[in-house]
PDB file of N, CA and C in Angstrom:
ATOM      1  N   MET A   1     -32.000 -80.688  -3.334  1.00  0.00           N
ATOM      2  CA  MET A   1     -31.378 -80.288  -2.090  1.00  0.00           C
ATOM      3  C   MET A   1     -30.487 -81.435  -1.596  1.00  0.00           C
ATOM      4  N   LYS A   2     -29.288 -81.130  -1.202  1.00  0.00           N
ATOM      5  CA  LYS A   2     -28.339 -82.125  -0.706  1.00  0.00           C
ATOM      6  C   LYS A   2     -28.835 -82.747   0.591  1.00  0.00           C
ATOM      7  N   GLY A   3     -28.337 -83.939   0.866  1.00  0.00           N
ATOM      8  CA  GLY A   3     -28.581 -84.619   2.129  1.00  0.00           C
ATOM      9  C   GLY A   3     -27.247 -84.889   2.798  1.00  0.00           C
ATOM     10  N   TYR A   4     -27.243 -84.865   4.112  1.00  0.00           N
ATOM     11  CA  TYR A   4     -26.007 -85.075   4.870  1.00  0.00           C
ATOM     12  C   TYR A   4     -26.200 -86.164   5.909  1.00  0.00           C
ATOM     13  N   TRP A   5     -25.185 -86.957   6.044  1.00  0.00           N
ATOM     14  CA  TRP A   5     -25.153 -88.053   6.995  1.00  0.00           C
ATOM     15  C   TRP A   5     -24.026 -87.697   7.969  1.00  0.00           C
ATOM     16  N   VAL A   6     -24.362 -87.561   9.231  1.00  0.00           N
ATOM     17  CA  VAL A   6     -23.381 -87.216  10.259  1.00  0.00           C
ATOM     18  C   VAL A   6     -23.346 -88.360  11.265  1.00  0.00           C
ATOM     19  N   ALA A   7     -22.165 -88.883  11.515  1.00  0.00           N
ATOM     20  CA  ALA A   7     -22.020 -90.019  12.427  1.00  0.00           C
ATOM     21  C   ALA A   7     -20.978 -89.714  13.493  1.00  0.00           C
ATOM     22  N   PHE A   8     -21.310 -90.091  14.712  1.00  0.00           N
ATOM     23  CA  PHE A   8     -20.390 -90.021  15.844  1.00  0.00           C
ATOM     24  C   PHE A   8     -20.191 -91.452  16.311  1.00  0.00           C
ATOM     25  N   VAL A   9     -18.948 -91.930  16.307  1.00  0.00           N
ATOM     26  CA  VAL A   9     -18.678 -93.344  16.527  1.00  0.00           C
ATOM     27  C   VAL A   9     -17.699 -93.530  17.676  1.00  0.00           C
ATOM     28  N   ASN A  10     -18.005 -94.506  18.523  1.00  0.00           N
ATOM     29  CA  ASN A  10     -17.089 -94.961  19.568  1.00  0.00           C
ATOM     30  C   ASN A  10     -16.726 -96.403  19.255  1.00  0.00           C
ATOM     31  N   ILE A  11     -15.451 -96.659  19.125  1.00  0.00           N
ATOM     32  CA  ILE A  11     -14.955 -97.969  18.701  1.00  0.00           C
ATOM     33  C   ILE A  11     -14.459 -98.737  19.923  1.00  0.00           C
ATOM     34  N   ASN A  12     -15.027 -99.927  20.124  1.00  0.00           N
ATOM     35  CA  ASN A  12     -14.650-100.769  21.265  1.00  0.00           C
ATOM     36  C   ASN A  12     -13.573-101.790  20.906  1.00  0.00           C
ATOM     37  N   ASP A  13     -13.553-102.215  19.647  1.00  0.00           N
ATOM     38  CA  ASP A  13     -12.590-103.219  19.188  1.00  0.00           C
ATOM     39  C   ASP A  13     -12.102-102.814  17.795  1.00  0.00           C
ATOM     40  N   LYS A  14     -10.932-102.195  17.757  1.00  0.00           N
ATOM     41  CA  LYS A  14     -10.415-101.664  16.490  1.00  0.00           C
ATOM     42  C   LYS A  14     -10.144-102.758  15.459  1.00  0.00           C
ATOM     43  N   ALA A  15      -9.749-103.925  15.897  1.00  0.00           N
ATOM     44  CA  ALA A  15      -9.485-105.014  14.956  1.00  0.00           C
ATOM     45  C   ALA A  15     -10.778-105.461  14.276  1.00  0.00           C
ATOM     46  N   LYS A  16     -11.835-105.664  15.037  1.00  0.00           N
ATOM     47  CA  LYS A  16     -13.124-106.062  14.460  1.00  0.00           C
ATOM     48  C   LYS A  16     -13.732-104.938  13.623  1.00  0.00           C
ATOM     49  N   TYR A  17     -13.470-103.701  13.979  1.00  0.00           N
ATOM     50  CA  TYR A  17     -14.000-102.558  13.233  1.00  0.00           C
ATOM     51  C   TYR A  17     -13.490-102.553  11.794  1.00  0.00           C
ATOM     52  N   GLN A  18     -12.362-103.170  11.570  1.00  0.00           N
ATOM     53  CA  GLN A  18     -11.814-103.255  10.211  1.00  0.00           C
ATOM     54  C   GLN A  18     -12.749-104.035   9.282  1.00  0.00           C
ATOM     55  N   ASP A  19     -13.512-104.985   9.834  1.00  0.00           N
ATOM     56  CA  ASP A  19     -14.487-105.724   9.025  1.00  0.00           C
ATOM     57  C   ASP A  19     -15.573-104.785   8.507  1.00  0.00           C
ATOM     58  N   TYR A  20     -16.013-103.859   9.359  1.00  0.00           N
ATOM     59  CA  TYR A  20     -16.989-102.850   8.940  1.00  0.00           C
ATOM     60  C   TYR A  20     -16.381-101.950   7.852  1.00  0.00           C
ATOM     61  N   LEU A  21     -15.144-101.514   8.087  1.00  0.00           N
ATOM     62  CA  LEU A  21     -14.480-100.629   7.128  1.00  0.00           C
ATOM     63  C   LEU A  21     -14.208-101.310   5.789  1.00  0.00           C
ATOM     64  N   ALA A  22     -14.178-102.619   5.778  1.00  0.00           N
ATOM     65  CA  ALA A  22     -13.989-103.338   4.522  1.00  0.00           C
ATOM     66  C   ALA A  22     -15.255-103.324   3.670  1.00  0.00           C
ATOM     67  N   LEU A  23     -16.431-103.146   4.288  1.00  0.00           N
ATOM     68  CA  LEU A  23     -17.711-103.205   3.574  1.00  0.00           C
ATOM     69  C   LEU A  23     -18.386-101.851   3.373  1.00  0.00           C
ATOM     70  N   ALA A  24     -18.322-100.989   4.362  1.00  0.00           N
ATOM     71  CA  ALA A  24     -19.091 -99.737   4.327  1.00  0.00           C
ATOM     72  C   ALA A  24     -18.721 -98.821   3.156  1.00  0.00           C
ATOM     73  N   PRO A  25     -17.455 -98.624   2.821  1.00  0.00           N
ATOM     74  CA  PRO A  25     -17.139 -97.692   1.731  1.00  0.00           C
ATOM     75  C   PRO A  25     -17.802 -98.050   0.400  1.00  0.00           C
ATOM     76  N   ALA A  26     -17.910 -99.327   0.071  1.00  0.00           N
ATOM     77  CA  ALA A  26     -18.547 -99.717  -1.190  1.00  0.00           C
ATOM     78  C   ALA A  26     -20.024 -99.341  -1.192  1.00  0.00           C
ATOM     79  N   ALA A  27     -20.701 -99.538  -0.059  1.00  0.00           N
ATOM     80  CA  ALA A  27     -22.115 -99.157   0.044  1.00  0.00           C
ATOM     81  C   ALA A  27     -22.269 -97.652  -0.091  1.00  0.00           C
ATOM     82  N   LEU A  28     -21.436 -96.905   0.594  1.00  0.00           N
ATOM     83  CA  LEU A  28     -21.503 -95.444   0.528  1.00  0.00           C
ATOM     84  C   LEU A  28     -21.213 -94.949  -0.886  1.00  0.00           C
ATOM     85  N   GLN A  29     -20.227 -95.523  -1.516  1.00  0.00           N
ATOM     86  CA  GLN A  29     -19.870 -95.119  -2.880  1.00  0.00           C
ATOM     87  C   GLN A  29     -21.007 -95.423  -3.851  1.00  0.00           C
ATOM     88  N   LYS A  30     -21.642 -96.574  -3.699  1.00  0.00           N
ATOM     89  CA  LYS A  30     -22.745 -96.966  -4.588  1.00  0.00           C
ATOM     90  C   LYS A  30     -23.866 -95.925  -4.583  1.00  0.00           C
ATOM     91  N   TYR A  31     -24.089 -95.290  -3.431  1.00  0.00           N
ATOM     92  CA  TYR A  31     -25.171 -94.314  -3.294  1.00  0.00           C
ATOM     93  C   TYR A  31     -24.683 -92.871  -3.433  1.00  0.00           C
ATOM     94  N   GLY A  32     -23.454 -92.714  -3.892  1.00  0.00           N
ATOM     95  CA  GLY A  32     -22.948 -91.396  -4.229  1.00  0.00           C
ATOM     96  C   GLY A  32     -22.464 -90.550  -3.070  1.00  0.00           C
ATOM     97  N   ALA A  33     -22.131 -91.175  -1.957  1.00  0.00           N
ATOM     98  CA  ALA A  33     -21.648 -90.414  -0.800  1.00  0.00           C
ATOM     99  C   ALA A  33     -20.321 -89.734  -1.115  1.00  0.00           C
ATOM    100  N   LYS A  34     -20.224 -88.496  -0.710  1.00  0.00           N
ATOM    101  CA  LYS A  34     -18.971 -87.738  -0.816  1.00  0.00           C
ATOM    102  C   LYS A  34     -18.497 -87.459   0.611  1.00  0.00           C
ATOM    103  N   LEU A  35     -17.321 -87.951   0.956  1.00  0.00           N
ATOM    104  CA  LEU A  35     -16.770 -87.734   2.288  1.00  0.00           C
ATOM    105  C   LEU A  35     -16.352 -86.276   2.427  1.00  0.00           C
ATOM    106  N   LEU A  36     -16.966 -85.570   3.373  1.00  0.00           N
ATOM    107  CA  LEU A  36     -16.622 -84.161   3.620  1.00  0.00           C
ATOM    108  C   LEU A  36     -15.653 -84.007   4.784  1.00  0.00           C
ATOM    109  N   SER A  37     -15.804 -84.864   5.789  1.00  0.00           N
ATOM    110  CA  SER A  37     -14.932 -84.741   6.956  1.00  0.00           C
ATOM    111  C   SER A  37     -14.918 -86.058   7.721  1.00  0.00           C
ATOM    112  N   ARG A  38     -13.744 -86.416   8.208  1.00  0.00           N
ATOM    113  CA  ARG A  38     -13.609 -87.586   9.085  1.00  0.00           C
ATOM    114  C   ARG A  38     -12.476 -87.253  10.029  1.00  0.00           C
ATOM    115  N   GLY A  39     -12.730 -87.391  11.292  1.00  0.00           N
ATOM    116  CA  GLY A  39     -11.670 -87.035  12.212  1.00  0.00           C
ATOM    117  C   GLY A  39     -11.746 -87.718  13.548  1.00  0.00           C
ATOM    118  N   GLU A  40     -10.594 -87.812  14.147  1.00  0.00           N
ATOM    119  CA  GLU A  40     -10.474 -88.359  15.492  1.00  0.00           C
ATOM    120  C   GLU A  40      -9.985 -87.290  16.464  1.00  0.00           C
ATOM    121  N   ASP A  41      -9.550 -86.165  15.931  1.00  0.00           N
ATOM    122  CA  ASP A  41      -9.107 -85.039  16.758  1.00  0.00           C
ATOM    123  C   ASP A  41     -10.307 -84.108  16.915  1.00  0.00           C
ATOM    124  N   ILE A  42     -11.072 -84.315  17.978  1.00  0.00           N
ATOM    125  CA  ILE A  42     -12.367 -83.649  18.160  1.00  0.00           C
ATOM    126  C   ILE A  42     -12.340 -82.825  19.445  1.00  0.00           C
ATOM    127  N   THR A  43     -12.812 -81.611  19.350  1.00  0.00           N
ATOM    128  CA  THR A  43     -12.953 -80.755  20.526  1.00  0.00           C
ATOM    129  C   THR A  43     -14.435 -80.586  20.822  1.00  0.00           C
ATOM    130  N   ILE A  44     -14.844 -81.005  21.989  1.00  0.00           N
ATOM    131  CA  ILE A  44     -16.242 -80.860  22.384  1.00  0.00           C
ATOM    132  C   ILE A  44     -16.465 -79.428  22.868  1.00  0.00           C
ATOM    133  N   ILE A  45     -17.428 -78.782  22.281  1.00  0.00           N
ATOM    134  CA  ILE A  45     -17.791 -77.423  22.684  1.00  0.00           C
ATOM    135  C   ILE A  45     -19.029 -77.459  23.591  1.00  0.00           C
ATOM    136  N   GLU A  46     -19.973 -78.349  23.241  1.00  0.00           N
ATOM    137  CA  GLU A  46     -21.219 -78.394  23.991  1.00  0.00           C
ATOM    138  C   GLU A  46     -21.921 -79.723  23.737  1.00  0.00           C
ATOM    139  N   GLY A  47     -22.543 -80.283  24.775  1.00  0.00           N
ATOM    140  CA  GLY A  47     -23.482 -81.378  24.598  1.00  0.00           C
ATOM    141  C   GLY A  47     -22.979 -82.786  24.833  1.00  0.00           C
ATOM    142  N   PHE A  48     -21.721 -83.072  24.594  1.00  0.00           N
ATOM    143  CA  PHE A  48     -21.202 -84.411  24.830  1.00  0.00           C
ATOM    144  C   PHE A  48     -20.481 -84.425  26.173  1.00  0.00           C
ATOM    145  N   ASN A  49     -20.628 -85.519  26.924  1.00  0.00           N
ATOM    146  CA  ASN A  49     -19.848 -85.663  28.153  1.00  0.00           C
ATOM    147  C   ASN A  49     -18.404 -86.000  27.841  1.00  0.00           C
ATOM    148  N   THR A  50     -18.209 -86.824  26.825  1.00  0.00           N
ATOM    149  CA  THR A  50     -16.873 -87.161  26.351  1.00  0.00           C
ATOM    150  C   THR A  50     -16.910 -87.159  24.817  1.00  0.00           C
ATOM    151  N   PRO A  51     -15.803 -86.855  24.186  1.00  0.00           N
ATOM    152  CA  PRO A  51     -15.808 -86.841  22.719  1.00  0.00           C
ATOM    153  C   PRO A  51     -15.928 -88.256  22.164  1.00  0.00           C
ATOM    154  N   PRO A  52     -16.604 -88.399  21.034  1.00  0.00           N
ATOM    155  CA  PRO A  52     -16.601 -89.707  20.376  1.00  0.00           C
ATOM    156  C   PRO A  52     -15.211 -89.986  19.828  1.00  0.00           C
ATOM    157  N   ASP A  53     -14.946 -91.258  19.553  1.00  0.00           N
ATOM    158  CA  ASP A  53     -13.652 -91.627  18.971  1.00  0.00           C
ATOM    159  C   ASP A  53     -13.481 -91.042  17.577  1.00  0.00           C
ATOM    160  N   ARG A  54     -14.605 -90.923  16.852  1.00  0.00           N
ATOM    161  CA  ARG A  54     -14.543 -90.489  15.458  1.00  0.00           C
ATOM    162  C   ARG A  54     -15.840 -89.783  15.086  1.00  0.00           C
ATOM    163  N   ALA A  55     -15.736 -88.782  14.250  1.00  0.00           N
ATOM    164  CA  ALA A  55     -16.900 -88.117  13.660  1.00  0.00           C
ATOM    165  C   ALA A  55     -16.719 -88.124  12.148  1.00  0.00           C
ATOM    166  N   VAL A  56     -17.826 -88.365  11.429  1.00  0.00           N
ATOM    167  CA  VAL A  56     -17.771 -88.470   9.975  1.00  0.00           C
ATOM    168  C   VAL A  56     -18.955 -87.724   9.372  1.00  0.00           C
ATOM    169  N   VAL A  57     -18.707 -87.000   8.279  1.00  0.00           N
ATOM    170  CA  VAL A  57     -19.771 -86.289   7.564  1.00  0.00           C
ATOM    171  C   VAL A  57     -19.700 -86.670   6.089  1.00  0.00           C
ATOM    172  N   PHE A  58     -20.842 -87.141   5.567  1.00  0.00           N
ATOM    173  CA  PHE A  58     -20.961 -87.463   4.145  1.00  0.00           C
ATOM    174  C   PHE A  58     -22.017 -86.563   3.525  1.00  0.00           C
ATOM    175  N   GLU A  59     -21.806 -86.213   2.270  1.00  0.00           N
ATOM    176  CA  GLU A  59     -22.794 -85.459   1.494  1.00  0.00           C
ATOM    177  C   GLU A  59     -23.357 -86.382   0.411  1.00  0.00           C
ATOM    178  N   PHE A  60     -24.677 -86.327   0.235  1.00  0.00           N
ATOM    179  CA  PHE A  60     -25.364 -87.092  -0.804  1.00  0.00           C
ATOM    180  C   PHE A  60     -26.101 -86.120  -1.707  1.00  0.00           C
ATOM    181  N   GLU A  61     -26.479 -86.570  -2.887  1.00  0.00           N
ATOM    182  CA  GLU A  61     -27.201 -85.704  -3.820  1.00  0.00           C
ATOM    183  C   GLU A  61     -28.543 -85.268  -3.252  1.00  0.00           C
ATOM    184  N   SER A  62     -29.090 -86.048  -2.309  1.00  0.00           N
ATOM    185  CA  SER A  62     -30.371 -85.691  -1.701  1.00  0.00           C
ATOM    186  C   SER A  62     -30.534 -86.378  -0.354  1.00  0.00           C
ATOM    187  N   TYR A  63     -31.463 -85.866   0.408  1.00  0.00           N
ATOM    188  CA  TYR A  63     -31.847 -86.477   1.692  1.00  0.00           C
ATOM    189  C   TYR A  63     -32.322 -87.912   1.456  1.00  0.00           C
ATOM    190  N   ASP A  64     -33.160 -88.087   0.428  1.00  0.00           N
ATOM    191  CA  ASP A  64     -33.691 -89.415   0.127  1.00  0.00           C
ATOM    192  C   ASP A  64     -32.583 -90.395  -0.228  1.00  0.00           C
ATOM    193  N   LYS A  65     -31.574 -89.944  -0.954  1.00  0.00           N
ATOM    194  CA  LYS A  65     -30.455 -90.814  -1.324  1.00  0.00           C
ATOM    195  C   LYS A  65     -29.649 -91.212  -0.086  1.00  0.00           C
ATOM    196  N   ALA A  66     -29.498 -90.295   0.859  1.00  0.00           N
ATOM    197  CA  ALA A  66     -28.801 -90.618   2.109  1.00  0.00           C
ATOM    198  C   ALA A  66     -29.568 -91.679   2.890  1.00  0.00           C
ATOM    199  N   LEU A  67     -30.890 -91.522   2.969  1.00  0.00           N
ATOM    200  CA  LEU A  67     -31.716 -92.528   3.652  1.00  0.00           C
ATOM    201  C   LEU A  67     -31.662 -93.868   2.917  1.00  0.00           C
ATOM    202  N   GLU A  68     -31.719 -93.806   1.590  1.00  0.00           N
ATOM    203  CA  GLU A  68     -31.663 -95.024   0.778  1.00  0.00           C
ATOM    204  C   GLU A  68     -30.359 -95.778   1.047  1.00  0.00           C
ATOM    205  N   CYS A  69     -29.268 -95.056   1.147  1.00  0.00           N
ATOM    206  CA  CYS A  69     -27.981 -95.675   1.435  1.00  0.00           C
ATOM    207  C   CYS A  69     -28.002 -96.350   2.799  1.00  0.00           C
ATOM    208  N   TYR A  70     -28.456 -95.634   3.807  1.00  0.00           N
ATOM    209  CA  TYR A  70     -28.463 -96.201   5.168  1.00  0.00           C
ATOM    210  C   TYR A  70     -29.297 -97.481   5.222  1.00  0.00           C
ATOM    211  N   HIS A  71     -30.449 -97.474   4.578  1.00  0.00           N
ATOM    212  CA  HIS A  71     -31.361 -98.618   4.636  1.00  0.00           C
ATOM    213  C   HIS A  71     -31.061 -99.694   3.591  1.00  0.00           C
ATOM    214  N   SER A  72     -30.040 -99.469   2.768  1.00  0.00           N
ATOM    215  CA  SER A  72     -29.714-100.418   1.696  1.00  0.00           C
ATOM    216  C   SER A  72     -29.213-101.748   2.273  1.00  0.00           C
ATOM    217  N   PRO A  73     -29.419-102.835   1.524  1.00  0.00           N
ATOM    218  CA  PRO A  73     -28.873-104.131   1.963  1.00  0.00           C
ATOM    219  C   PRO A  73     -27.357-104.081   2.138  1.00  0.00           C
ATOM    220  N   GLU A  74     -26.693-103.328   1.282  1.00  0.00           N
ATOM    221  CA  GLU A  74     -25.228-103.245   1.353  1.00  0.00           C
ATOM    222  C   GLU A  74     -24.778-102.600   2.666  1.00  0.00           C
ATOM    223  N   TYR A  75     -25.404-101.473   3.035  1.00  0.00           N
ATOM    224  CA  TYR A  75     -24.974-100.820   4.272  1.00  0.00           C
ATOM    225  C   TYR A  75     -25.418-101.609   5.495  1.00  0.00           C
ATOM    226  N   GLN A  76     -26.598-102.196   5.440  1.00  0.00           N
ATOM    227  CA  GLN A  76     -27.067-102.977   6.586  1.00  0.00           C
ATOM    228  C   GLN A  76     -26.160-104.179   6.843  1.00  0.00           C
ATOM    229  N   GLU A  77     -25.601-104.743   5.787  1.00  0.00           N
ATOM    230  CA  GLU A  77     -24.630-105.827   5.963  1.00  0.00           C
ATOM    231  C   GLU A  77     -23.372-105.297   6.650  1.00  0.00           C
ATOM    232  N   ALA A  78     -22.890-104.144   6.235  1.00  0.00           N
ATOM    233  CA  ALA A  78     -21.722-103.538   6.888  1.00  0.00           C
ATOM    234  C   ALA A  78     -22.038-103.226   8.347  1.00  0.00           C
ATOM    235  N   LYS A  79     -23.229-102.710   8.589  1.00  0.00           N
ATOM    236  CA  LYS A  79     -23.640-102.332   9.948  1.00  0.00           C
ATOM    237  C   LYS A  79     -23.606-103.533  10.900  1.00  0.00           C
ATOM    238  N   LYS A  80     -23.940-104.704  10.412  1.00  0.00           N
ATOM    239  CA  LYS A  80     -23.877-105.911  11.250  1.00  0.00           C
ATOM    240  C   LYS A  80     -22.476-106.089  11.822  1.00  0.00           C
ATOM    241  N   HIS A  81     -21.460-105.760  11.036  1.00  0.00           N
ATOM    242  CA  HIS A  81     -20.076-105.906  11.476  1.00  0.00           C
ATOM    243  C   HIS A  81     -19.673-104.787  12.438  1.00  0.00           C
ATOM    244  N   ARG A  82     -20.352-103.660  12.376  1.00  0.00           N
ATOM    245  CA  ARG A  82     -20.060-102.548  13.275  1.00  0.00           C
ATOM    246  C   ARG A  82     -20.718-102.740  14.635  1.00  0.00           C
ATOM    247  N   SER A  83     -21.873-103.342  14.648  1.00  0.00           N
ATOM    248  CA  SER A  83     -22.688-103.406  15.864  1.00  0.00           C
ATOM    249  C   SER A  83     -22.013-104.102  17.035  1.00  0.00           C
ATOM    250  N   ASP A  84     -21.151-105.068  16.768  1.00  0.00           N
ATOM    251  CA  ASP A  84     -20.519-105.789  17.873  1.00  0.00           C
ATOM    252  C   ASP A  84     -19.170-105.212  18.297  1.00  0.00           C
ATOM    253  N   CYS A  85     -18.723-104.152  17.618  1.00  0.00           N
ATOM    254  CA  CYS A  85     -17.403-103.608  17.968  1.00  0.00           C
ATOM    255  C   CYS A  85     -17.391-102.092  18.122  1.00  0.00           C
ATOM    256  N   ALA A  86     -18.540-101.437  17.872  1.00  0.00           N
ATOM    257  CA  ALA A  86     -18.596 -99.975  17.967  1.00  0.00           C
ATOM    258  C   ALA A  86     -20.039 -99.536  18.194  1.00  0.00           C
ATOM    259  N   SER A  87     -20.187 -98.373  18.786  1.00  0.00           N
ATOM    260  CA  SER A  87     -21.516 -97.766  18.909  1.00  0.00           C
ATOM    261  C   SER A  87     -21.500 -96.486  18.075  1.00  0.00           C
ATOM    262  N   ALA A  88     -22.661 -96.176  17.513  1.00  0.00           N
ATOM    263  CA  ALA A  88     -22.731 -95.004  16.646  1.00  0.00           C
ATOM    264  C   ALA A  88     -24.020 -94.239  16.883  1.00  0.00           C
ATOM    265  N   ASN A  89     -23.920 -92.922  16.805  1.00  0.00           N
ATOM    266  CA  ASN A  89     -25.058 -92.038  16.743  1.00  0.00           C
ATOM    267  C   ASN A  89     -25.009 -91.428  15.345  1.00  0.00           C
ATOM    268  N   ILE A  90     -26.055 -91.668  14.574  1.00  0.00           N
ATOM    269  CA  ILE A  90     -26.068 -91.217  13.175  1.00  0.00           C
ATOM    270  C   ILE A  90     -27.320 -90.402  12.940  1.00  0.00           C
ATOM    271  N   LEU A  91     -27.145 -89.286  12.236  1.00  0.00           N
ATOM    272  CA  LEU A  91     -28.319 -88.510  11.822  1.00  0.00           C
ATOM    273  C   LEU A  91     -28.199 -88.193  10.354  1.00  0.00           C
ATOM    274  N   ILE A  92     -29.357 -88.087   9.725  1.00  0.00           N
ATOM    275  CA  ILE A  92     -29.423 -87.700   8.313  1.00  0.00           C
ATOM    276  C   ILE A  92     -30.266 -86.455   8.251  1.00  0.00           C
ATOM    277  N   MET A  93     -29.770 -85.452   7.535  1.00  0.00           N
ATOM    278  CA  MET A  93     -30.466 -84.170   7.495  1.00  0.00           C
ATOM    279  C   MET A  93     -30.405 -83.560   6.110  1.00  0.00           C
ATOM    280  N   ASN A  94     -31.354 -82.665   5.857  1.00  0.00           N
ATOM    281  CA  ASN A  94     -31.389 -81.905   4.605  1.00  0.00           C
ATOM    282  C   ASN A  94     -30.368 -80.781   4.639  1.00  0.00           C
ATOM    283  N   GLY A  95     -29.838 -80.474   3.471  1.00  0.00           N
ATOM    284  CA  GLY A  95     -28.998 -79.295   3.329  1.00  0.00           C
ATOM    285  C   GLY A  95     -29.890 -78.072   3.122  1.00  0.00           C
ATOM    286  N   LEU A  96     -29.273 -76.926   2.976  1.00  0.00           N
ATOM    287  CA  LEU A  96     -29.997 -75.686   2.728  1.00  0.00           C
ATOM    288  C   LEU A  96     -30.360 -75.596   1.270  1.00  0.00           C
ATOM    289  N   LYS A  97     -31.429 -74.885   0.992  1.00  0.00           N
ATOM    290  CA  LYS A  97     -31.846 -74.671  -0.398  1.00  0.00           C
ATOM    291  C   LYS A  97     -30.921 -73.690  -1.079  1.00  0.00           C
TER     292      LYS A  97
END
């Protein structure tokens, strides 16, 4: 069963965020992430007071692989660079059978 990683990101410092973007793709690629959607043109239908700056959806071969990627040393190193310049709400979920 596929696993999905959904992230809603608000960027406070676009220049510093580039440091995160320099590291995160390699970690995601190592764990087989397939980018399904990334966008900044977001329409809120329900639940958010304001739209996030960016929403991203990745597909992994499994839920466990998505979790493994998030908790990997490679992604955690990238996350250190994101933490001081952006806030993120991230969820990992199972796909349908």
